[in-house]
PDB file of all heavy atoms in Angstrom:
ATOM      1  N   ALA A   1     -23.575  -2.906 -37.692  1.00  0.00           N
ATOM      2  CA  ALA A   1     -23.742  -4.369 -37.823  1.00  0.00           C
ATOM      3  C   ALA A   1     -22.869  -5.131 -36.854  1.00  0.00           C
ATOM      4  O   ALA A   1     -22.106  -6.060 -37.246  1.00  0.00           O
ATOM      5  CB  ALA A   1     -23.455  -4.789 -39.244  1.00  0.00           C
ATOM      6  N   ALA A   2     -22.991  -4.813 -35.557  1.00  0.00           N
ATOM      7  CA  ALA A   2     -22.130  -5.429 -34.551  1.00  0.00           C
ATOM      8  C   ALA A   2     -22.272  -6.908 -34.471  1.00  0.00           C
ATOM      9  O   ALA A   2     -21.313  -7.651 -34.102  1.00  0.00           O
ATOM     10  CB  ALA A   2     -22.439  -4.801 -33.174  1.00  0.00           C
ATOM     11  N   GLY A   3     -23.429  -7.459 -34.827  1.00  0.00           N
ATOM     12  CA  GLY A   3     -23.644  -8.907 -34.752  1.00  0.00           C
ATOM     13  C   GLY A   3     -22.755  -9.699 -35.644  1.00  0.00           C
ATOM     14  O   GLY A   3     -22.479 -10.905 -35.375  1.00  0.00           O
ATOM     15  N   HIS A   4     -22.264  -9.078 -36.743  1.00  0.00           N
ATOM     16  CA  HIS A   4     -21.386  -9.810 -37.638  1.00  0.00           C
ATOM     17  C   HIS A   4     -20.087 -10.285 -36.982  1.00  0.00           C
ATOM     18  O   HIS A   4     -19.524 -11.332 -37.332  1.00  0.00           O
ATOM     19  CB  HIS A   4     -21.003  -8.933 -38.845  1.00  0.00           C
ATOM     20  CG  HIS A   4     -22.137  -8.709 -39.816  1.00  0.00           C
ATOM     21  ND1 HIS A   4     -22.051  -7.837 -40.869  1.00  0.00           N
ATOM     22  CD2 HIS A   4     -23.409  -9.181 -39.805  1.00  0.00           C
ATOM     23  CE1 HIS A   4     -23.232  -7.814 -41.499  1.00  0.00           C
ATOM     24  NE2 HIS A   4     -24.046  -8.603 -40.843  1.00  0.00           N
ATOM     25  N   PHE A   5     -19.626  -9.498 -36.022  1.00  0.00           N
ATOM     26  CA  PHE A   5     -18.334  -9.798 -35.408  1.00  0.00           C
ATOM     27  C   PHE A   5     -18.383 -11.124 -34.635  1.00  0.00           C
ATOM     28  O   PHE A   5     -17.419 -11.881 -34.642  1.00  0.00           O
ATOM     29  CB  PHE A   5     -17.939  -8.680 -34.444  1.00  0.00           C
ATOM     30  CG  PHE A   5     -16.579  -8.872 -33.839  1.00  0.00           C
ATOM     31  CD1 PHE A   5     -15.417  -8.905 -34.609  1.00  0.00           C
ATOM     32  CD2 PHE A   5     -16.437  -9.027 -32.443  1.00  0.00           C
ATOM     33  CE1 PHE A   5     -14.171  -9.052 -34.061  1.00  0.00           C
ATOM     34  CE2 PHE A   5     -15.208  -9.183 -31.889  1.00  0.00           C
ATOM     35  CZ  PHE A   5     -14.050  -9.225 -32.647  1.00  0.00           C
ATOM     36  N   ARG A   6     -19.523 -11.426 -34.031  1.00  0.00           N
ATOM     37  CA  ARG A   6     -19.673 -12.688 -33.296  1.00  0.00           C
ATOM     38  C   ARG A   6     -19.550 -13.879 -34.272  1.00  0.00           C
ATOM     39  O   ARG A   6     -18.894 -14.888 -33.964  1.00  0.00           O
ATOM     40  CB  ARG A   6     -20.968 -12.760 -32.545  1.00  0.00           C
ATOM     41  CG  ARG A   6     -21.064 -11.796 -31.350  1.00  0.00           C
ATOM     42  CD  ARG A   6     -22.287 -12.099 -30.520  1.00  0.00           C
ATOM     43  NE  ARG A   6     -23.560 -11.850 -31.208  1.00  0.00           N
ATOM     44  CZ  ARG A   6     -24.135 -10.674 -31.221  1.00  0.00           C
ATOM     45  NH1 ARG A   6     -23.606  -9.617 -30.593  1.00  0.00           N
ATOM     46  NH2 ARG A   6     -25.255 -10.490 -31.867  1.00  0.00           N
ATOM     47  N   PHE A   7     -20.200 -13.754 -35.415  1.00  0.00           N
ATOM     48  CA  PHE A   7     -20.123 -14.841 -36.427  1.00  0.00           C
ATOM     49  C   PHE A   7     -18.715 -14.973 -36.942  1.00  0.00           C
ATOM     50  O   PHE A   7     -18.261 -16.064 -37.211  1.00  0.00           O
ATOM     51  CB  PHE A   7     -21.110 -14.560 -37.513  1.00  0.00           C
ATOM     52  CG  PHE A   7     -22.540 -14.714 -37.160  1.00  0.00           C
ATOM     53  CD1 PHE A   7     -23.398 -13.590 -37.009  1.00  0.00           C
ATOM     54  CD2 PHE A   7     -23.102 -15.950 -36.896  1.00  0.00           C
ATOM     55  CE1 PHE A   7     -24.689 -13.742 -36.659  1.00  0.00           C
ATOM     56  CE2 PHE A   7     -24.420 -16.125 -36.534  1.00  0.00           C
ATOM     57  CZ  PHE A   7     -25.227 -14.998 -36.396  1.00  0.00           C
ATOM     58  N   MET A   8     -18.026 -13.868 -37.127  1.00  0.00           N
ATOM     59  CA  MET A   8     -16.626 -13.928 -37.591  1.00  0.00           C
ATOM     60  C   MET A   8     -15.757 -14.656 -36.607  1.00  0.00           C
ATOM     61  O   MET A   8     -14.917 -15.468 -36.986  1.00  0.00           O
ATOM     62  CB  MET A   8     -16.104 -12.495 -37.836  1.00  0.00           C
ATOM     63  CG  MET A   8     -16.652 -11.831 -39.089  1.00  0.00           C
ATOM     64  SD  MET A   8     -15.931 -10.153 -39.337  1.00  0.00           S
ATOM     65  CE  MET A   8     -14.221 -10.598 -39.583  1.00  0.00           C
ATOM     66  N   LYS A   9     -15.938 -14.352 -35.326  1.00  0.00           N
ATOM     67  CA  LYS A   9     -15.130 -15.046 -34.311  1.00  0.00           C
ATOM     68  C   LYS A   9     -15.378 -16.568 -34.316  1.00  0.00           C
ATOM     69  O   LYS A   9     -14.426 -17.358 -34.221  1.00  0.00           O
ATOM     70  CB  LYS A   9     -15.408 -14.450 -32.939  1.00  0.00           C
ATOM     71  CG  LYS A   9     -14.796 -13.092 -32.696  1.00  0.00           C
ATOM     72  CD  LYS A   9     -14.745 -12.732 -31.231  1.00  0.00           C
ATOM     73  CE  LYS A   9     -16.138 -12.667 -30.594  1.00  0.00           C
ATOM     74  NZ  LYS A   9     -16.035 -12.179 -29.189  1.00  0.00           N
ATOM     75  N   VAL A  10     -16.635 -16.920 -34.420  1.00  0.00           N
ATOM     76  CA  VAL A  10     -16.998 -18.326 -34.438  1.00  0.00           C
ATOM     77  C   VAL A  10     -16.396 -19.004 -35.663  1.00  0.00           C
ATOM     78  O   VAL A  10     -15.814 -20.127 -35.603  1.00  0.00           O
ATOM     79  CB  VAL A  10     -18.549 -18.530 -34.405  1.00  0.00           C
ATOM     80  CG1 VAL A  10     -18.891 -19.983 -34.690  1.00  0.00           C
ATOM     81  CG2 VAL A  10     -19.088 -18.097 -33.066  1.00  0.00           C
ATOM     82  N   LEU A  11     -16.537 -18.389 -36.817  1.00  0.00           N
ATOM     83  CA  LEU A  11     -16.030 -18.952 -38.052  1.00  0.00           C
ATOM     84  C   LEU A  11     -14.534 -19.157 -38.007  1.00  0.00           C
ATOM     85  O   LEU A  11     -14.020 -20.245 -38.351  1.00  0.00           O
ATOM     86  CB  LEU A  11     -16.419 -18.052 -39.226  1.00  0.00           C
ATOM     87  CG  LEU A  11     -16.113 -18.627 -40.645  1.00  0.00           C
ATOM     88  CD1 LEU A  11     -17.155 -18.172 -41.631  1.00  0.00           C
ATOM     89  CD2 LEU A  11     -14.736 -18.149 -41.153  1.00  0.00           C
ATOM     90  N   HIS A  12     -13.773 -18.123 -37.603  1.00  0.00           N
ATOM     91  CA  HIS A  12     -12.313 -18.235 -37.597  1.00  0.00           C
ATOM     92  C   HIS A  12     -11.822 -19.181 -36.520  1.00  0.00           C
ATOM     93  O   HIS A  12     -10.848 -19.929 -36.742  1.00  0.00           O
ATOM     94  CB  HIS A  12     -11.691 -16.838 -37.465  1.00  0.00           C
ATOM     95  CG  HIS A  12     -11.780 -16.050 -38.702  1.00  0.00           C
ATOM     96  ND1 HIS A  12     -10.737 -16.017 -39.655  1.00  0.00           N
ATOM     97  CD2 HIS A  12     -12.740 -15.253 -39.220  1.00  0.00           C
ATOM     98  CE1 HIS A  12     -11.095 -15.300 -40.666  1.00  0.00           C
ATOM     99  NE2 HIS A  12     -12.303 -14.793 -40.444  1.00  0.00           N
ATOM    100  N   THR A  13     -12.471 -19.195 -35.380  1.00  0.00           N
ATOM    101  CA  THR A  13     -12.075 -20.177 -34.312  1.00  0.00           C
ATOM    102  C   THR A  13     -12.317 -21.574 -34.809  1.00  0.00           C
ATOM    103  O   THR A  13     -11.481 -22.466 -34.639  1.00  0.00           O
ATOM    104  CB  THR A  13     -12.849 -19.902 -33.060  1.00  0.00           C
ATOM    105  OG1 THR A  13     -12.584 -18.572 -32.567  1.00  0.00           O
ATOM    106  CG2 THR A  13     -12.454 -20.858 -31.936  1.00  0.00           C
ATOM    107  N   GLY A  14     -13.491 -21.787 -35.421  1.00  0.00           N
ATOM    108  CA  GLY A  14     -13.796 -23.117 -35.941  1.00  0.00           C
ATOM    109  C   GLY A  14     -12.830 -23.535 -37.044  1.00  0.00           C
ATOM    110  O   GLY A  14     -12.466 -24.712 -37.130  1.00  0.00           O
ATOM    111  N   TRP A  15     -12.405 -22.581 -37.856  1.00  0.00           N
ATOM    112  CA  TRP A  15     -11.431 -22.856 -38.932  1.00  0.00           C
ATOM    113  C   TRP A  15     -10.122 -23.382 -38.351  1.00  0.00           C
ATOM    114  O   TRP A  15      -9.578 -24.412 -38.839  1.00  0.00           O
ATOM    115  CB  TRP A  15     -11.227 -21.585 -39.717  1.00  0.00           C
ATOM    116  CG  TRP A  15     -10.241 -21.630 -40.845  1.00  0.00           C
ATOM    117  CD1 TRP A  15     -10.364 -22.399 -41.984  1.00  0.00           C
ATOM    118  CD2 TRP A  15      -9.061 -20.877 -40.985  1.00  0.00           C
ATOM    119  NE1 TRP A  15      -9.252 -22.130 -42.828  1.00  0.00           N
ATOM    120  CE2 TRP A  15      -8.444 -21.222 -42.227  1.00  0.00           C
ATOM    121  CE3 TRP A  15      -8.424 -19.939 -40.178  1.00  0.00           C
ATOM    122  CZ2 TRP A  15      -7.241 -20.661 -42.619  1.00  0.00           C
ATOM    123  CZ3 TRP A  15      -7.224 -19.343 -40.600  1.00  0.00           C
ATOM    124  CH2 TRP A  15      -6.666 -19.707 -41.850  1.00  0.00           C
ATOM    125  N   PHE A  16      -9.581 -22.705 -37.324  1.00  0.00           N
ATOM    126  CA  PHE A  16      -8.348 -23.184 -36.699  1.00  0.00           C
ATOM    127  C   PHE A  16      -8.512 -24.561 -36.127  1.00  0.00           C
ATOM    128  O   PHE A  16      -7.660 -25.458 -36.319  1.00  0.00           O
ATOM    129  CB  PHE A  16      -7.906 -22.189 -35.593  1.00  0.00           C
ATOM    130  CG  PHE A  16      -7.226 -20.952 -36.115  1.00  0.00           C
ATOM    131  CD1 PHE A  16      -7.872 -19.719 -36.087  1.00  0.00           C
ATOM    132  CD2 PHE A  16      -5.967 -21.053 -36.672  1.00  0.00           C
ATOM    133  CE1 PHE A  16      -7.228 -18.605 -36.579  1.00  0.00           C
ATOM    134  CE2 PHE A  16      -5.284 -19.936 -37.157  1.00  0.00           C
ATOM    135  CZ  PHE A  16      -5.955 -18.689 -37.102  1.00  0.00           C
ATOM    136  N   VAL A  17      -9.615 -24.796 -35.383  1.00  0.00           N
ATOM    137  CA  VAL A  17      -9.854 -26.114 -34.785  1.00  0.00           C
ATOM    138  C   VAL A  17      -9.982 -27.184 -35.867  1.00  0.00           C
ATOM    139  O   VAL A  17      -9.415 -28.277 -35.733  1.00  0.00           O
ATOM    140  CB  VAL A  17     -11.077 -26.074 -33.904  1.00  0.00           C
ATOM    141  CG1 VAL A  17     -11.437 -27.481 -33.394  1.00  0.00           C
ATOM    142  CG2 VAL A  17     -10.860 -25.128 -32.734  1.00  0.00           C
ATOM    143  N   ALA A  18     -10.726 -26.893 -36.911  1.00  0.00           N
ATOM    144  CA  ALA A  18     -10.975 -27.888 -37.980  1.00  0.00           C
ATOM    145  C   ALA A  18      -9.683 -28.237 -38.706  1.00  0.00           C
ATOM    146  O   ALA A  18      -9.483 -29.407 -39.091  1.00  0.00           O
ATOM    147  CB  ALA A  18     -12.014 -27.367 -38.942  1.00  0.00           C
ATOM    148  N   MET A  19      -8.827 -27.270 -38.959  1.00  0.00           N
ATOM    149  CA  MET A  19      -7.556 -27.538 -39.643  1.00  0.00           C
ATOM    150  C   MET A  19      -6.714 -28.535 -38.871  1.00  0.00           C
ATOM    151  O   MET A  19      -6.143 -29.495 -39.460  1.00  0.00           O
ATOM    152  CB  MET A  19      -6.753 -26.248 -39.853  1.00  0.00           C
ATOM    153  CG  MET A  19      -7.232 -25.376 -40.953  1.00  0.00           C
ATOM    154  SD  MET A  19      -6.035 -24.102 -41.388  1.00  0.00           S
ATOM    155  CE  MET A  19      -6.182 -22.990 -39.957  1.00  0.00           C
ATOM    156  N   VAL A  20      -6.633 -28.351 -37.544  1.00  0.00           N
ATOM    157  CA  VAL A  20      -5.881 -29.289 -36.707  1.00  0.00           C
ATOM    158  C   VAL A  20      -6.528 -30.650 -36.669  1.00  0.00           C
ATOM    159  O   VAL A  20      -5.890 -31.683 -36.825  1.00  0.00           O
ATOM    160  CB  VAL A  20      -5.727 -28.688 -35.284  1.00  0.00           C
ATOM    161  CG1 VAL A  20      -5.113 -29.728 -34.365  1.00  0.00           C
ATOM    162  CG2 VAL A  20      -4.891 -27.410 -35.315  1.00  0.00           C
ATOM    163  N   ALA A  21      -7.855 -30.627 -36.461  1.00  0.00           N
ATOM    164  CA  ALA A  21      -8.574 -31.894 -36.282  1.00  0.00           C
ATOM    165  C   ALA A  21      -8.543 -32.737 -37.574  1.00  0.00           C
ATOM    166  O   ALA A  21      -8.301 -33.974 -37.514  1.00  0.00           O
ATOM    167  CB  ALA A  21     -10.048 -31.625 -35.928  1.00  0.00           C
ATOM    168  N   GLU A  22      -8.757 -32.137 -38.704  1.00  0.00           N
ATOM    169  CA  GLU A  22      -8.779 -32.907 -39.958  1.00  0.00           C
ATOM    170  C   GLU A  22      -7.388 -33.501 -40.289  1.00  0.00           C
ATOM    171  O   GLU A  22      -7.291 -34.662 -40.666  1.00  0.00           O
ATOM    172  CB  GLU A  22      -9.272 -32.042 -41.138  1.00  0.00           C
ATOM    173  CG  GLU A  22      -9.354 -32.840 -42.411  1.00  0.00           C
ATOM    174  CD  GLU A  22      -9.986 -32.100 -43.565  1.00  0.00           C
ATOM    175  OE1 GLU A  22     -10.438 -30.950 -43.374  1.00  0.00           O
ATOM    176  OE2 GLU A  22     -10.027 -32.661 -44.691  1.00  0.00           O
ATOM    177  N   ALA A  23      -6.372 -32.711 -40.137  1.00  0.00           N
ATOM    178  CA  ALA A  23      -5.011 -33.210 -40.448  1.00  0.00           C
ATOM    179  C   ALA A  23      -4.612 -34.301 -39.517  1.00  0.00           C
ATOM    180  O   ALA A  23      -3.926 -35.285 -39.898  1.00  0.00           O
ATOM    181  CB  ALA A  23      -3.986 -32.063 -40.404  1.00  0.00           C
ATOM    182  N   GLY A  24      -4.998 -34.205 -38.212  1.00  0.00           N
ATOM    183  CA  GLY A  24      -4.591 -35.152 -37.206  1.00  0.00           C
ATOM    184  C   GLY A  24      -5.489 -36.384 -37.146  1.00  0.00           C
ATOM    185  O   GLY A  24      -5.044 -37.510 -37.319  1.00  0.00           O
ATOM    186  N   TRP A  25      -6.763 -36.170 -36.874  1.00  0.00           N
ATOM    187  CA  TRP A  25      -7.683 -37.317 -36.717  1.00  0.00           C
ATOM    188  C   TRP A  25      -7.919 -38.087 -37.969  1.00  0.00           C
ATOM    189  O   TRP A  25      -8.081 -39.309 -37.938  1.00  0.00           O
ATOM    190  CB  TRP A  25      -9.028 -36.769 -36.156  1.00  0.00           C
ATOM    191  CG  TRP A  25      -8.896 -36.210 -34.753  1.00  0.00           C
ATOM    192  CD1 TRP A  25      -7.832 -36.337 -33.896  1.00  0.00           C
ATOM    193  CD2 TRP A  25      -9.843 -35.416 -34.072  1.00  0.00           C
ATOM    194  NE1 TRP A  25      -8.066 -35.678 -32.750  1.00  0.00           N
ATOM    195  CE2 TRP A  25      -9.297 -35.109 -32.802  1.00  0.00           C
ATOM    196  CE3 TRP A  25     -11.105 -34.927 -34.411  1.00  0.00           C
ATOM    197  CZ2 TRP A  25      -9.967 -34.363 -31.873  1.00  0.00           C
ATOM    198  CZ3 TRP A  25     -11.806 -34.156 -33.485  1.00  0.00           C
ATOM    199  CH2 TRP A  25     -11.258 -33.877 -32.217  1.00  0.00           C
ATOM    200  N   LEU A  26      -8.008 -37.360 -39.133  1.00  0.00           N
ATOM    201  CA  LEU A  26      -8.251 -38.068 -40.370  1.00  0.00           C
ATOM    202  C   LEU A  26      -6.958 -38.462 -41.103  1.00  0.00           C
ATOM    203  O   LEU A  26      -7.031 -38.940 -42.245  1.00  0.00           O
ATOM    204  CB  LEU A  26      -9.134 -37.195 -41.292  1.00  0.00           C
ATOM    205  CG  LEU A  26     -10.540 -36.881 -40.722  1.00  0.00           C
ATOM    206  CD1 LEU A  26     -11.369 -36.072 -41.733  1.00  0.00           C
ATOM    207  CD2 LEU A  26     -11.293 -38.125 -40.313  1.00  0.00           C
ATOM    208  N   ARG A  27      -5.816 -38.179 -40.489  1.00  0.00           N
ATOM    209  CA  ARG A  27      -4.546 -38.576 -41.036  1.00  0.00           C
ATOM    210  C   ARG A  27      -4.295 -38.128 -42.440  1.00  0.00           C
ATOM    211  O   ARG A  27      -3.910 -38.902 -43.342  1.00  0.00           O
ATOM    212  CB  ARG A  27      -4.405 -40.131 -40.998  1.00  0.00           C
ATOM    213  CG  ARG A  27      -4.603 -40.733 -39.607  1.00  0.00           C
ATOM    214  CD  ARG A  27      -3.432 -40.517 -38.732  1.00  0.00           C
ATOM    215  NE  ARG A  27      -3.607 -41.157 -37.433  1.00  0.00           N
ATOM    216  CZ  ARG A  27      -2.712 -41.086 -36.458  1.00  0.00           C
ATOM    217  NH1 ARG A  27      -1.570 -40.394 -36.647  1.00  0.00           N
ATOM    218  NH2 ARG A  27      -2.918 -41.668 -35.314  1.00  0.00           N
ATOM    219  N   ARG A  28      -4.582 -36.826 -42.689  1.00  0.00           N
ATOM    220  CA  ARG A  28      -4.368 -36.342 -44.045  1.00  0.00           C
ATOM    221  C   ARG A  28      -2.894 -36.367 -44.373  1.00  0.00           C
ATOM    222  O   ARG A  28      -2.072 -35.963 -43.557  1.00  0.00           O
ATOM    223  CB  ARG A  28      -4.881 -34.899 -44.115  1.00  0.00           C
ATOM    224  CG  ARG A  28      -6.389 -34.766 -43.921  1.00  0.00           C
ATOM    225  CD  ARG A  28      -7.173 -35.532 -44.930  1.00  0.00           C
ATOM    226  NE  ARG A  28      -8.600 -35.195 -44.865  1.00  0.00           N
ATOM    227  CZ  ARG A  28      -9.563 -35.991 -45.234  1.00  0.00           C
ATOM    228  NH1 ARG A  28      -9.285 -37.218 -45.712  1.00  0.00           N
ATOM    229  NH2 ARG A  28     -10.790 -35.631 -45.191  1.00  0.00           N
ATOM    230  N   PRO A  29      -2.567 -36.832 -45.585  1.00  0.00           N
ATOM    231  CA  PRO A  29      -1.155 -36.896 -46.010  1.00  0.00           C
ATOM    232  C   PRO A  29      -0.628 -35.518 -46.383  1.00  0.00           C
ATOM    233  O   PRO A  29      -1.398 -34.592 -46.684  1.00  0.00           O
ATOM    234  CB  PRO A  29      -1.186 -37.843 -47.186  1.00  0.00           C
ATOM    235  CG  PRO A  29      -2.547 -37.620 -47.799  1.00  0.00           C
ATOM    236  CD  PRO A  29      -3.451 -37.356 -46.626  1.00  0.00           C
ATOM    237  N   PHE A  30       0.667 -35.424 -46.440  1.00  0.00           N
ATOM    238  CA  PHE A  30       1.322 -34.188 -46.954  1.00  0.00           C
ATOM    239  C   PHE A  30       1.592 -34.420 -48.444  1.00  0.00           C
ATOM    240  O   PHE A  30       2.280 -35.368 -48.829  1.00  0.00           O
ATOM    241  CB  PHE A  30       2.623 -33.941 -46.226  1.00  0.00           C
ATOM    242  CG  PHE A  30       3.387 -32.796 -46.738  1.00  0.00           C
ATOM    243  CD1 PHE A  30       2.964 -31.476 -46.496  1.00  0.00           C
ATOM    244  CD2 PHE A  30       4.541 -32.964 -47.490  1.00  0.00           C
ATOM    245  CE1 PHE A  30       3.679 -30.361 -47.039  1.00  0.00           C
ATOM    246  CE2 PHE A  30       5.273 -31.884 -47.989  1.00  0.00           C
ATOM    247  CZ  PHE A  30       4.830 -30.569 -47.766  1.00  0.00           C
ATOM    248  N   ARG A  31       1.066 -33.520 -49.314  1.00  0.00           N
ATOM    249  CA  ARG A  31       1.265 -33.593 -50.738  1.00  0.00           C
ATOM    250  C   ARG A  31       2.127 -32.396 -51.164  1.00  0.00           C
ATOM    251  O   ARG A  31       1.634 -31.262 -51.173  1.00  0.00           O
ATOM    252  CB  ARG A  31      -0.071 -33.557 -51.485  1.00  0.00           C
ATOM    253  CG  ARG A  31      -1.094 -34.573 -51.040  1.00  0.00           C
ATOM    254  CD  ARG A  31      -0.698 -35.958 -51.504  1.00  0.00           C
ATOM    255  NE  ARG A  31      -1.766 -36.921 -51.221  1.00  0.00           N
ATOM    256  CZ  ARG A  31      -1.603 -38.218 -51.230  1.00  0.00           C
ATOM    257  NH1 ARG A  31      -0.370 -38.752 -51.465  1.00  0.00           N
ATOM    258  NH2 ARG A  31      -2.636 -39.058 -50.995  1.00  0.00           N
ATOM    259  N   PRO A  32       3.407 -32.593 -51.460  1.00  0.00           N
ATOM    260  CA  PRO A  32       4.309 -31.480 -51.729  1.00  0.00           C
ATOM    261  C   PRO A  32       3.808 -30.508 -52.807  1.00  0.00           C
ATOM    262  O   PRO A  32       3.937 -29.285 -52.630  1.00  0.00           O
ATOM    263  CB  PRO A  32       5.588 -32.166 -52.123  1.00  0.00           C
ATOM    264  CG  PRO A  32       5.567 -33.457 -51.443  1.00  0.00           C
ATOM    265  CD  PRO A  32       4.147 -33.890 -51.488  1.00  0.00           C
ATOM    266  N   ALA A  33       3.295 -31.039 -53.910  1.00  0.00           N
ATOM    267  CA  ALA A  33       2.851 -30.152 -54.963  1.00  0.00           C
ATOM    268  C   ALA A  33       1.677 -29.319 -54.546  1.00  0.00           C
ATOM    269  O   ALA A  33       1.636 -28.073 -54.805  1.00  0.00           O
ATOM    270  CB  ALA A  33       2.510 -30.992 -56.220  1.00  0.00           C
ATOM    271  N   LEU A  34       0.695 -29.923 -53.907  1.00  0.00           N
ATOM    272  CA  LEU A  34      -0.484 -29.183 -53.429  1.00  0.00           C
ATOM    273  C   LEU A  34      -0.039 -28.171 -52.361  1.00  0.00           C
ATOM    274  O   LEU A  34      -0.524 -27.033 -52.376  1.00  0.00           O
ATOM    275  CB  LEU A  34      -1.469 -30.140 -52.822  1.00  0.00           C
ATOM    276  CG  LEU A  34      -2.733 -29.535 -52.184  1.00  0.00           C
ATOM    277  CD1 LEU A  34      -3.522 -28.749 -53.248  1.00  0.00           C
ATOM    278  CD2 LEU A  34      -3.612 -30.634 -51.570  1.00  0.00           C
ATOM    279  N   ALA A  35       0.873 -28.564 -51.481  1.00  0.00           N
ATOM    280  CA  ALA A  35       1.331 -27.651 -50.415  1.00  0.00           C
ATOM    281  C   ALA A  35       2.074 -26.463 -51.002  1.00  0.00           C
ATOM    282  O   ALA A  35       1.954 -25.337 -50.511  1.00  0.00           O
ATOM    283  CB  ALA A  35       2.267 -28.417 -49.441  1.00  0.00           C
ATOM    284  N   ALA A  36       2.825 -26.665 -52.077  1.00  0.00           N
ATOM    285  CA  ALA A  36       3.532 -25.542 -52.727  1.00  0.00           C
ATOM    286  C   ALA A  36       2.571 -24.544 -53.318  1.00  0.00           C
ATOM    287  O   ALA A  36       2.730 -23.316 -53.099  1.00  0.00           O
ATOM    288  CB  ALA A  36       4.480 -26.096 -53.813  1.00  0.00           C
ATOM    289  N   VAL A  37       1.553 -24.996 -54.000  1.00  0.00           N
ATOM    290  CA  VAL A  37       0.551 -24.079 -54.579  1.00  0.00           C
ATOM    291  C   VAL A  37      -0.213 -23.385 -53.467  1.00  0.00           C
ATOM    292  O   VAL A  37      -0.423 -22.196 -53.508  1.00  0.00           O
ATOM    293  CB  VAL A  37      -0.399 -24.856 -55.522  1.00  0.00           C
ATOM    294  CG1 VAL A  37      -1.517 -23.939 -55.996  1.00  0.00           C
ATOM    295  CG2 VAL A  37       0.379 -25.447 -56.710  1.00  0.00           C
ATOM    296  N   ALA A  38      -0.638 -24.183 -52.467  1.00  0.00           N
ATOM    297  CA  ALA A  38      -1.411 -23.596 -51.367  1.00  0.00           C
ATOM    298  C   ALA A  38      -0.542 -22.568 -50.601  1.00  0.00           C
ATOM    299  O   ALA A  38      -1.063 -21.500 -50.189  1.00  0.00           O
ATOM    300  CB  ALA A  38      -1.865 -24.696 -50.397  1.00  0.00           C
ATOM    301  N   GLY A  39       0.721 -22.852 -50.476  1.00  0.00           N
ATOM    302  CA  GLY A  39       1.605 -21.889 -49.797  1.00  0.00           C
ATOM    303  C   GLY A  39       1.708 -20.590 -50.546  1.00  0.00           C
ATOM    304  O   GLY A  39       1.652 -19.499 -49.913  1.00  0.00           O
ATOM    305  N   LEU A  40       1.816 -20.648 -51.855  1.00  0.00           N
ATOM    306  CA  LEU A  40       1.889 -19.412 -52.648  1.00  0.00           C
ATOM    307  C   LEU A  40       0.573 -18.588 -52.511  1.00  0.00           C
ATOM    308  O   LEU A  40       0.604 -17.350 -52.384  1.00  0.00           O
ATOM    309  CB  LEU A  40       2.121 -19.742 -54.093  1.00  0.00           C
ATOM    310  CG  LEU A  40       3.529 -20.257 -54.429  1.00  0.00           C
ATOM    311  CD1 LEU A  40       3.597 -20.666 -55.889  1.00  0.00           C
ATOM    312  CD2 LEU A  40       4.594 -19.191 -54.152  1.00  0.00           C
ATOM    313  N   VAL A  41      -0.557 -19.291 -52.537  1.00  0.00           N
ATOM    314  CA  VAL A  41      -1.831 -18.592 -52.406  1.00  0.00           C
ATOM    315  C   VAL A  41      -1.996 -18.003 -51.005  1.00  0.00           C
ATOM    316  O   VAL A  41      -2.459 -16.866 -50.847  1.00  0.00           O
ATOM    317  CB  VAL A  41      -2.988 -19.584 -52.685  1.00  0.00           C
ATOM    318  CG1 VAL A  41      -4.349 -18.920 -52.392  1.00  0.00           C
ATOM    319  CG2 VAL A  41      -2.939 -20.103 -54.139  1.00  0.00           C
ATOM    320  N   ALA A  42      -1.530 -18.714 -49.970  1.00  0.00           N
ATOM    321  CA  ALA A  42      -1.611 -18.224 -48.621  1.00  0.00           C
ATOM    322  C   ALA A  42      -0.697 -16.976 -48.415  1.00  0.00           C
ATOM    323  O   ALA A  42      -1.104 -16.018 -47.763  1.00  0.00           O
ATOM    324  CB  ALA A  42      -1.201 -19.288 -47.606  1.00  0.00           C
TER     325      ALA A  42
END
């Protein structure tokens, strides 16, 4: 199933780009409680 790898690369590259874009362009705030829970899950 070699074709899956291309989709994985696109998905993960898009994920990195989207994380930066949403936090920066949409001015997402920092929420300490949410960040603490998210940090533990990560």
